[in-house]
N, C-alpha and C. Protein backbone atom coordinates (compact mmCIF):
# COMPACT_ATOMS: atom_id res chain seq x y z
N MET A 1 80.04 141.40 113.60
CA MET A 1 80.34 140.49 114.50
C MET A 1 80.22 141.07 116.04
N MET A 2 79.64 140.63 116.93
CA MET A 2 79.47 141.16 118.23
C MET A 2 80.74 141.06 118.97
N PRO A 3 80.95 142.06 119.83
CA PRO A 3 82.15 142.11 120.71
C PRO A 3 82.19 140.79 121.54
N ALA A 4 83.57 140.40 121.62
CA ALA A 4 83.73 138.97 122.43
C ALA A 4 83.27 139.15 123.69
N LEU A 5 82.38 138.24 124.12
CA LEU A 5 82.03 138.09 125.60
C LEU A 5 83.05 137.51 126.40
N GLN A 6 83.15 138.06 127.53
CA GLN A 6 84.34 137.50 128.29
C GLN A 6 83.68 136.99 129.72
N ASN A 7 83.67 135.64 129.94
CA ASN A 7 83.36 135.05 131.05
C ASN A 7 83.90 133.57 131.11
N ASP A 8 83.98 132.94 132.20
CA ASP A 8 84.65 131.62 132.57
C ASP A 8 84.11 130.62 131.43
N HIS A 9 82.85 130.77 130.91
CA HIS A 9 82.18 129.73 129.88
C HIS A 9 82.79 129.95 128.59
N VAL A 10 83.27 131.01 128.16
CA VAL A 10 83.62 131.23 126.79
C VAL A 10 85.13 131.50 126.72
N ASN A 11 85.87 131.39 127.55
CA ASN A 11 87.24 131.84 127.47
C ASN A 11 87.99 131.07 126.34
N ASP A 12 87.90 129.73 126.34
CA ASP A 12 88.46 128.88 125.32
C ASP A 12 88.02 129.14 123.94
N LEU A 13 86.86 129.94 123.72
CA LEU A 13 86.31 129.95 122.32
C LEU A 13 87.06 130.97 121.37
N ASP A 14 88.02 131.77 122.10
CA ASP A 14 88.70 132.72 121.22
C ASP A 14 89.70 132.25 120.14
N SER A 15 90.00 130.94 120.30
CA SER A 15 90.90 130.30 119.51
C SER A 15 90.17 129.70 118.31
N ILE A 16 88.80 129.71 118.21
CA ILE A 16 88.09 129.29 116.94
C ILE A 16 88.21 130.46 116.03
N ILE A 17 88.57 129.97 114.79
CA ILE A 17 88.71 130.73 113.62
C ILE A 17 87.73 130.53 112.57
N GLU A 18 87.01 131.64 112.31
CA GLU A 18 86.07 131.58 111.12
C GLU A 18 85.07 130.54 111.23
N GLY A 19 84.77 129.87 112.28
CA GLY A 19 83.76 128.95 112.45
C GLY A 19 84.12 127.64 111.59
N ARG A 20 85.48 127.27 111.38
CA ARG A 20 85.77 126.10 110.72
C ARG A 20 85.40 125.02 111.40
N PHE A 21 84.87 123.92 110.63
CA PHE A 21 84.10 122.80 111.09
C PHE A 21 85.26 121.83 111.28
N ASN A 22 85.93 121.49 112.54
CA ASN A 22 86.70 120.43 112.76
C ASN A 22 86.52 120.09 114.28
N MET A 23 87.07 118.94 114.58
CA MET A 23 86.79 118.33 116.06
C MET A 23 87.00 119.23 117.09
N LEU A 24 88.34 119.97 116.97
CA LEU A 24 88.70 120.84 118.02
C LEU A 24 87.74 121.86 118.24
N ASN A 25 87.31 122.70 117.23
CA ASN A 25 86.13 123.57 117.33
C ASN A 25 85.01 123.11 117.95
N VAL A 26 84.55 122.03 117.45
CA VAL A 26 83.26 121.39 117.84
C VAL A 26 83.39 121.31 119.36
N SER A 27 84.39 120.63 119.74
CA SER A 27 84.56 120.22 121.31
C SER A 27 84.75 121.44 122.05
N GLN A 28 85.31 122.55 121.64
CA GLN A 28 85.29 123.76 122.45
C GLN A 28 84.11 124.43 122.46
N VAL A 29 83.20 124.37 121.45
CA VAL A 29 81.88 124.95 121.58
C VAL A 29 81.07 124.13 122.51
N LEU A 30 81.25 122.70 122.45
CA LEU A 30 80.28 121.86 123.29
C LEU A 30 80.81 122.14 124.69
N SER A 31 82.23 122.21 125.00
CA SER A 31 82.58 122.52 126.34
C SER A 31 81.97 123.61 126.92
N ALA A 32 82.04 124.74 126.04
CA ALA A 32 81.50 126.11 126.64
C ALA A 32 79.99 125.88 126.86
N SER A 33 79.14 125.22 125.92
CA SER A 33 77.76 124.97 126.23
C SER A 33 77.50 124.27 127.39
N ASP A 34 78.26 123.17 127.66
CA ASP A 34 78.12 122.32 128.65
C ASP A 34 78.63 122.98 130.11
N SER A 35 79.46 123.98 130.04
CA SER A 35 79.81 124.76 131.22
C SER A 35 78.62 125.56 131.62
N VAL A 36 77.95 126.33 130.79
CA VAL A 36 76.79 127.11 131.06
C VAL A 36 75.74 126.31 131.79
N LEU A 37 75.49 125.07 130.98
CA LEU A 37 74.28 124.32 131.35
C LEU A 37 74.61 123.58 132.63
N ARG A 38 75.94 123.27 132.89
CA ARG A 38 76.24 122.64 134.29
C ARG A 38 75.98 123.71 135.47
N GLU A 39 76.36 124.93 135.10
CA GLU A 39 76.16 125.96 136.05
C GLU A 39 74.55 126.25 136.43
N MET A 40 73.82 126.11 135.27
CA MET A 40 72.44 126.29 135.35
C MET A 40 71.77 125.14 136.31
N GLN A 41 72.26 124.03 135.96
CA GLN A 41 71.86 122.83 136.75
C GLN A 41 72.18 122.92 138.17
N ARG A 42 73.38 123.26 138.54
CA ARG A 42 73.70 123.44 139.85
C ARG A 42 72.84 124.59 140.56
N GLU A 43 72.93 125.68 140.05
CA GLU A 43 72.10 126.86 140.68
C GLU A 43 70.47 126.53 140.72
N LEU A 44 70.04 125.81 139.79
CA LEU A 44 68.60 125.48 139.82
C LEU A 44 68.24 124.13 140.51
N ASN A 45 69.30 123.58 140.98
CA ASN A 45 69.06 122.27 141.84
C ASN A 45 68.37 121.19 140.93
N LEU A 46 68.86 120.96 139.68
CA LEU A 46 68.22 120.01 138.83
C LEU A 46 69.25 118.71 138.61
N ASP A 47 68.51 117.57 138.47
CA ASP A 47 69.32 116.41 138.31
C ASP A 47 69.88 116.33 137.05
N HIS A 48 69.18 116.87 135.93
CA HIS A 48 69.65 116.88 134.49
C HIS A 48 69.62 118.07 133.91
N VAL A 49 70.54 118.55 133.10
CA VAL A 49 70.58 119.79 132.31
C VAL A 49 69.29 119.77 131.42
N ASP A 50 69.05 118.63 130.80
CA ASP A 50 67.98 118.66 129.72
C ASP A 50 66.54 118.83 130.37
N ARG A 51 66.54 119.10 131.67
CA ARG A 51 65.24 119.37 132.32
C ARG A 51 64.90 120.87 132.76
N VAL A 52 65.81 121.64 132.13
CA VAL A 52 65.71 123.15 132.37
C VAL A 52 64.50 123.67 131.73
N LYS A 53 63.49 124.14 132.39
CA LYS A 53 62.25 124.63 131.85
C LYS A 53 61.97 126.01 132.22
N GLN A 54 60.95 126.56 131.83
CA GLN A 54 60.48 127.99 132.08
C GLN A 54 60.23 128.27 133.51
N CYS A 55 59.71 127.11 134.04
CA CYS A 55 59.30 127.09 135.50
C CYS A 55 60.53 127.14 136.45
N HIS A 56 61.60 126.47 135.94
CA HIS A 56 62.85 126.55 136.89
C HIS A 56 63.39 127.91 136.75
N LEU A 57 63.52 128.48 135.55
CA LEU A 57 64.16 129.83 135.35
C LEU A 57 63.37 130.97 136.02
N SER A 58 62.06 130.72 136.18
CA SER A 58 61.32 131.89 136.66
C SER A 58 61.20 131.88 138.32
N LYS A 59 62.03 130.86 138.87
CA LYS A 59 62.08 130.93 140.22
C LYS A 59 62.68 132.21 140.83
N ARG A 60 62.07 132.61 141.99
CA ARG A 60 62.51 133.97 142.62
C ARG A 60 63.96 133.84 143.10
N THR A 61 64.39 132.53 143.34
CA THR A 61 65.77 132.41 143.87
C THR A 61 66.96 132.76 142.93
N VAL A 62 66.54 132.76 141.66
CA VAL A 62 67.58 133.05 140.63
C VAL A 62 67.62 134.57 140.26
N PRO A 63 68.60 135.36 140.48
CA PRO A 63 68.66 136.72 140.23
C PRO A 63 68.56 136.95 138.74
N LYS A 64 67.92 138.09 138.36
CA LYS A 64 67.71 138.54 137.01
C LYS A 64 69.02 138.64 136.42
N GLU A 65 69.99 138.95 137.11
CA GLU A 65 71.34 139.31 136.53
C GLU A 65 72.00 137.88 136.10
N LYS A 66 71.66 136.86 136.99
CA LYS A 66 72.16 135.60 136.49
C LYS A 66 71.61 135.06 135.33
N LEU A 67 70.17 135.35 135.32
CA LEU A 67 69.47 134.78 134.15
C LEU A 67 69.95 135.42 133.00
N ALA A 68 70.09 136.80 132.96
CA ALA A 68 70.63 137.65 131.89
C ALA A 68 71.91 137.16 131.41
N ASP A 69 72.97 136.80 132.51
CA ASP A 69 74.19 136.39 132.17
C ASP A 69 74.13 135.10 131.17
N TRP A 70 73.35 134.08 131.70
CA TRP A 70 73.12 132.76 131.12
C TRP A 70 72.61 132.95 129.62
N LEU A 71 71.64 133.77 129.46
CA LEU A 71 70.94 134.12 128.33
C LEU A 71 71.95 134.60 127.34
N GLU A 72 72.76 135.65 127.69
CA GLU A 72 73.82 136.39 127.03
C GLU A 72 74.81 135.44 126.47
N THR A 73 75.34 134.41 127.33
CA THR A 73 76.38 133.51 127.22
C THR A 73 75.79 132.57 126.13
N VAL A 74 74.55 131.96 126.39
CA VAL A 74 74.04 131.10 125.30
C VAL A 74 73.88 131.68 123.94
N CYS A 75 73.41 132.83 123.95
CA CYS A 75 73.25 133.50 122.66
C CYS A 75 74.49 133.77 122.08
N TYR A 76 75.51 134.18 122.74
CA TYR A 76 76.93 134.40 122.19
C TYR A 76 77.31 133.06 121.62
N ILE A 77 77.15 132.05 122.36
CA ILE A 77 77.79 130.78 121.78
C ILE A 77 77.00 130.40 120.57
N MET A 78 75.59 130.48 120.56
CA MET A 78 74.92 130.16 119.39
C MET A 78 75.26 130.95 118.03
N ASP A 79 75.21 132.28 118.36
CA ASP A 79 75.41 133.20 117.40
C ASP A 79 76.84 133.31 116.74
N GLU A 80 77.82 133.18 117.63
CA GLU A 80 79.23 133.46 117.10
C GLU A 80 79.83 132.15 116.83
N PHE A 81 79.32 130.87 117.25
CA PHE A 81 80.07 129.79 117.19
C PHE A 81 79.09 128.64 116.47
N SER A 82 78.05 128.37 117.22
CA SER A 82 77.33 126.92 116.90
C SER A 82 76.88 127.22 115.57
N VAL A 83 76.03 128.35 115.33
CA VAL A 83 75.51 128.39 113.96
C VAL A 83 76.54 128.48 112.83
N PRO A 84 77.62 129.34 112.99
CA PRO A 84 78.58 129.22 111.82
C PRO A 84 79.28 127.84 111.79
N LEU A 85 79.54 127.11 112.82
CA LEU A 85 80.04 125.79 112.79
C LEU A 85 79.05 124.78 111.98
N LEU A 86 77.79 124.88 112.29
CA LEU A 86 76.72 124.08 111.53
C LEU A 86 76.72 124.52 110.02
N LYS A 87 76.75 125.89 109.72
CA LYS A 87 76.73 126.17 108.36
C LYS A 87 77.94 125.59 107.72
N ASN A 88 79.18 125.70 108.28
CA ASN A 88 80.22 125.12 107.55
C ASN A 88 80.20 123.62 107.36
N ALA A 89 79.66 122.92 108.43
CA ALA A 89 79.31 121.69 108.45
C ALA A 89 78.49 121.22 107.15
N ILE A 90 77.38 121.99 107.05
CA ILE A 90 76.47 121.85 105.87
C ILE A 90 77.30 122.06 104.48
N ARG A 91 78.16 122.90 104.42
CA ARG A 91 78.96 123.30 103.16
C ARG A 91 79.84 122.08 103.08
N SER A 92 80.54 121.66 104.17
CA SER A 92 81.38 120.31 103.97
C SER A 92 80.78 119.31 103.54
N VAL A 93 79.49 119.00 104.16
CA VAL A 93 78.70 117.83 103.63
C VAL A 93 78.21 117.87 102.26
N GLU A 94 77.94 119.08 101.74
CA GLU A 94 77.38 119.22 100.43
C GLU A 94 78.61 119.01 99.50
N SER A 95 79.72 119.57 99.81
CA SER A 95 81.04 119.41 99.16
C SER A 95 81.51 117.93 99.07
N LEU A 96 81.45 117.23 100.13
CA LEU A 96 81.61 115.80 100.10
C LEU A 96 80.69 114.94 99.31
N THR A 97 79.37 115.42 99.50
CA THR A 97 78.37 114.66 98.74
C THR A 97 78.61 114.74 97.21
N LYS A 98 78.92 115.96 96.71
CA LYS A 98 79.18 116.24 95.33
C LYS A 98 80.50 115.38 94.96
N ARG A 99 81.49 115.39 95.60
CA ARG A 99 82.75 114.59 95.57
C ARG A 99 82.36 113.00 95.36
N ILE A 100 81.61 112.53 96.26
CA ILE A 100 81.02 111.19 96.21
C ILE A 100 80.31 110.83 95.03
N ASP A 101 79.43 111.80 94.56
CA ASP A 101 78.68 111.62 93.47
C ASP A 101 79.71 111.40 92.22
N GLU A 102 80.65 112.32 92.02
CA GLU A 102 81.63 112.27 91.02
C GLU A 102 82.42 110.92 91.09
N LEU A 103 82.86 110.61 92.10
CA LEU A 103 83.51 109.38 92.45
C LEU A 103 82.78 108.11 91.86
N GLN A 104 81.48 108.11 92.26
CA GLN A 104 80.71 107.01 91.79
C GLN A 104 80.46 107.12 90.40
N ARG A 105 80.26 108.16 89.81
CA ARG A 105 80.20 108.26 88.32
C ARG A 105 81.43 107.79 87.65
N GLU A 106 82.59 108.32 88.17
CA GLU A 106 83.99 107.79 87.55
C GLU A 106 83.94 106.20 87.72
N LYS A 107 83.57 105.72 88.91
CA LYS A 107 83.59 104.31 89.11
C LYS A 107 82.78 103.51 88.23
N ILE A 108 81.55 104.02 87.80
CA ILE A 108 80.65 103.41 86.92
C ILE A 108 81.35 103.32 85.45
N ASP A 109 81.94 104.61 85.14
CA ASP A 109 82.52 104.68 83.87
C ASP A 109 83.73 103.80 83.65
N ASP A 110 84.46 103.69 84.92
CA ASP A 110 85.73 102.66 84.83
C ASP A 110 85.15 101.24 84.61
N GLN A 111 84.02 100.98 85.42
CA GLN A 111 83.42 99.52 85.18
C GLN A 111 83.02 99.31 83.90
N ARG A 112 82.46 100.24 83.23
CA ARG A 112 81.96 100.03 81.92
C ARG A 112 83.15 99.84 81.04
N LYS A 113 84.18 100.58 81.22
CA LYS A 113 85.30 100.40 80.37
C LYS A 113 85.95 99.02 80.62
N ILE A 114 86.03 98.64 81.70
CA ILE A 114 86.64 97.18 82.18
C ILE A 114 85.79 96.27 81.47
N ILE A 115 84.47 96.30 81.50
CA ILE A 115 83.62 95.27 80.81
C ILE A 115 83.90 95.39 79.14
N GLN A 116 83.99 96.43 78.80
CA GLN A 116 84.42 96.77 77.30
C GLN A 116 85.66 96.12 76.93
N LEU A 117 86.69 96.29 77.71
CA LEU A 117 88.03 95.80 77.46
C LEU A 117 87.99 94.22 77.55
N LYS A 118 87.14 93.68 78.62
CA LYS A 118 87.04 92.31 78.77
C LYS A 118 86.39 91.73 77.58
N ASP A 119 85.31 92.30 77.05
CA ASP A 119 84.57 91.89 75.80
C ASP A 119 85.76 91.72 74.66
N GLU A 120 86.43 92.87 74.50
CA GLU A 120 87.42 92.85 73.44
C GLU A 120 88.40 91.69 73.63
N VAL A 121 88.83 91.45 74.87
CA VAL A 121 89.76 90.37 75.06
C VAL A 121 89.11 89.03 74.64
N LEU A 122 87.93 88.85 75.05
CA LEU A 122 87.02 87.72 74.65
C LEU A 122 87.06 87.62 73.12
N ASP A 123 86.67 88.62 72.59
CA ASP A 123 86.67 88.60 71.16
C ASP A 123 87.87 88.20 70.42
N LYS A 124 89.03 88.66 70.85
CA LYS A 124 90.36 88.40 70.26
C LYS A 124 90.62 86.98 70.55
N ARG A 125 90.41 86.65 71.79
CA ARG A 125 90.64 85.10 72.04
C ARG A 125 89.97 84.17 71.24
N SER A 126 88.55 84.66 71.13
CA SER A 126 87.64 83.76 70.17
C SER A 126 88.22 83.63 68.72
N ASN A 127 88.65 84.81 68.25
CA ASN A 127 89.17 84.86 66.90
C ASN A 127 90.57 84.06 66.71
N GLU A 128 91.22 84.25 67.94
CA GLU A 128 92.63 83.25 67.84
C GLU A 128 92.28 81.99 67.98
N LEU A 129 91.22 81.51 68.69
CA LEU A 129 90.62 80.07 68.91
C LEU A 129 90.37 79.50 67.42
N ASN A 130 89.33 80.50 66.77
CA ASN A 130 88.94 80.18 65.41
C ASN A 130 90.06 79.89 64.38
N ASP A 131 91.04 80.79 64.46
CA ASP A 131 92.24 80.76 63.63
C ASP A 131 92.93 79.44 63.81
N VAL A 132 93.26 78.99 65.14
CA VAL A 132 93.89 77.84 65.43
C VAL A 132 93.01 76.66 65.00
N LYS A 133 91.84 76.67 65.11
CA LYS A 133 90.96 75.62 64.64
C LYS A 133 90.91 75.36 63.25
N SER A 134 90.83 76.52 62.51
CA SER A 134 90.84 76.49 61.10
C SER A 134 92.14 75.98 60.53
N THR A 135 93.35 76.41 61.24
CA THR A 135 94.71 75.85 60.85
C THR A 135 94.68 74.36 61.20
N ALA A 136 94.34 74.07 62.33
CA ALA A 136 94.32 72.44 62.72
C ALA A 136 93.56 71.68 61.53
N GLN A 137 92.33 72.30 61.25
CA GLN A 137 91.52 71.43 60.35
C GLN A 137 92.29 71.43 58.97
N THR A 138 92.79 72.51 58.55
CA THR A 138 93.50 72.51 57.28
C THR A 138 94.67 71.58 57.26
N GLU A 139 95.35 71.55 58.39
CA GLU A 139 96.63 70.64 58.54
C GLU A 139 96.10 69.00 58.52
N ILE A 140 95.08 68.96 59.31
CA ILE A 140 94.61 67.47 59.46
C ILE A 140 94.10 67.07 57.92
N LYS A 141 93.46 67.97 57.34
CA LYS A 141 92.91 67.57 55.95
C LYS A 141 94.28 67.21 54.96
N SER A 142 95.12 68.08 55.17
CA SER A 142 96.42 67.92 54.39
C SER A 142 97.10 66.69 54.68
N PHE A 143 97.19 66.40 55.96
CA PHE A 143 97.90 65.14 56.53
C PHE A 143 97.16 63.96 56.09
N SER A 144 95.67 64.12 56.15
CA SER A 144 94.92 63.02 55.68
C SER A 144 95.11 62.62 54.10
N SER A 145 95.14 63.64 53.26
CA SER A 145 95.28 63.38 52.00
C SER A 145 96.75 62.92 51.66
N ILE A 146 97.80 63.13 52.48
CA ILE A 146 99.05 62.65 52.25
C ILE A 146 99.05 61.14 52.54
N VAL A 147 98.40 60.82 53.73
CA VAL A 147 98.47 59.43 54.17
C VAL A 147 97.62 58.79 53.15
N LYS A 148 96.57 59.25 52.54
CA LYS A 148 95.80 58.27 51.66
C LYS A 148 96.56 58.14 50.32
N LYS A 149 97.46 59.08 49.87
CA LYS A 149 98.23 58.85 48.73
C LYS A 149 99.36 57.89 48.94
N ASN A 150 100.03 57.97 50.04
CA ASN A 150 101.25 57.16 50.41
C ASN A 150 101.03 55.78 50.95
N CYS A 151 99.96 55.55 51.51
CA CYS A 151 99.68 54.30 52.28
C CYS A 151 98.77 53.47 51.35
N PRO A 152 99.06 52.08 51.62
CA PRO A 152 98.37 51.18 50.87
C PRO A 152 96.88 51.15 51.29
N ALA A 153 95.93 50.74 50.66
CA ALA A 153 94.44 50.85 51.04
C ALA A 153 94.30 49.76 52.19
N THR A 154 95.13 48.86 52.31
CA THR A 154 94.96 47.78 53.52
C THR A 154 95.20 48.50 54.84
N LEU A 155 96.06 49.51 54.90
CA LEU A 155 96.34 50.08 56.11
C LEU A 155 95.24 51.11 56.66
N LEU A 156 94.47 51.54 55.59
CA LEU A 156 93.31 52.29 56.00
C LEU A 156 92.25 51.65 56.53
């Protein structure tokens, strides 16, 4: 790890621990980057920071020491903070992607089990309905034979 750079742009970066990917760390790195770029914009008399080009940086009005300071600061921010944050973000995304895949597989398995259980419930209800139907038919036949034996033919 390179020794900590000390300037107004990176003072708040000391609190970033191990490049952990979280919103506070990201906002601190963005703030440090924006600080350097705003200073470049001011000193180079540019409307927008995204228009910094080699032709602007090679102006004789910008001292070499200032260019070296900007370059050192930008490299420090990139090497010590931005790249580690991005690597951790990639690891976080990969880990979350694996977990999402696991959850999706579990959900599919659960849905299969639910369908299987619903099929079992339907089979049981169908069997119960057939049992009731069979019992009702048996009772009706039994009642019908009793009526035939006990009632005169004229009533039928």
